[in-house]
Amino acid sequence: MSSSQTTPKHVVDMEDLRKVAQSVYARNAELVKLDKMKDEFVALASHELRTPLTIVKNYLWLALHEKDEPLGSNTTKYIDIAAETVDRLMFLVEDILTISRIENGRVTLAKEDVDMVPFVRGLVESYQVKAQEKQIRLSFESSVDSQLVTFDKNRFTQVVINILGNALKFTPVGGAVRVSVDIEDGAICMVRVSDTGPGVASDKQASLFTKFGKIDDSYANLPNVNGTGLGLYISKEIMHLHEGTLTAESVWGKGSTFIASLPITK
């Protein structure tokens, strides 16, 4: 091969350097993006923590300094509000810790074979009192009498309770929540939770499963509804660990259906 057909060594070296530089720039841009996301997360978490802590501090101060009889009606009210706020704070902290464990690969699943039908029926029954308090019709049905599925009971309970709790929270008085277990093609077990709440617009549904995924003008911002926007994100990640999925179907003004799907391995 003649010298005219041979690529000069310095040209090859420059091409290699260019590729390395492009790789470094791309990696640096990704690190900057990740660092920004971390900062945003910490800022949001700090804000969410600061608000309940301030409420606790104020009401406890009132409880200690109000000049009425010990444990009077006002004092009891202040302490009750403080206690409820502390509970929300604890849930928030636990959610943040769960996210940290998931994203750092420190969550291990204790899987076992479970009959999905009585398992979900039991969870629904545990929420009947809450449903009755809100005058909501809570029902359960299954297309099969029995179906063994392999999953971590504690983690999957967290998922079902999250979507069921949300359905009850956002469904108005006199509405209905329906929970069902269905099998698709003999390979997928689906737990559906449907409500008659206000629903979520189609162009905003993807945000449901993001961190702090509250949506403007949606059910997640109804008056007197508290939430951190972490529950659905955590639930989706738990389903991913199970090689399953968590999806949502919603029609604005008519309600939503959340579907937790797990593969049937036996």
Foldseek 3Di string as FASTA:
>chain_A
DDPVPDDDPVVVVVVVVVVVVVVVVVVVVVVVVVVVVVVVVVVLLVVLLVVLVVLLVVLVVCLVPPPDDNPDPSNVVSVVSNVVSVVVNVVSVVLVVLVVCLVVVNDDWPKDKDWPQVLVVVLQVVCPVVCVVQQEAEEEEEPDPTAIAIGRSVLVSLLSCLVQVLQSLQAHRNWYWYWYWYDDPNWKIKIKIKIFGQWDDPVLQVLLQDFQSDDPPHSSPDPPDDDRSRSNVSSQSRLVVQVWGWHKDTDGGGIIMIMTMHTHPD
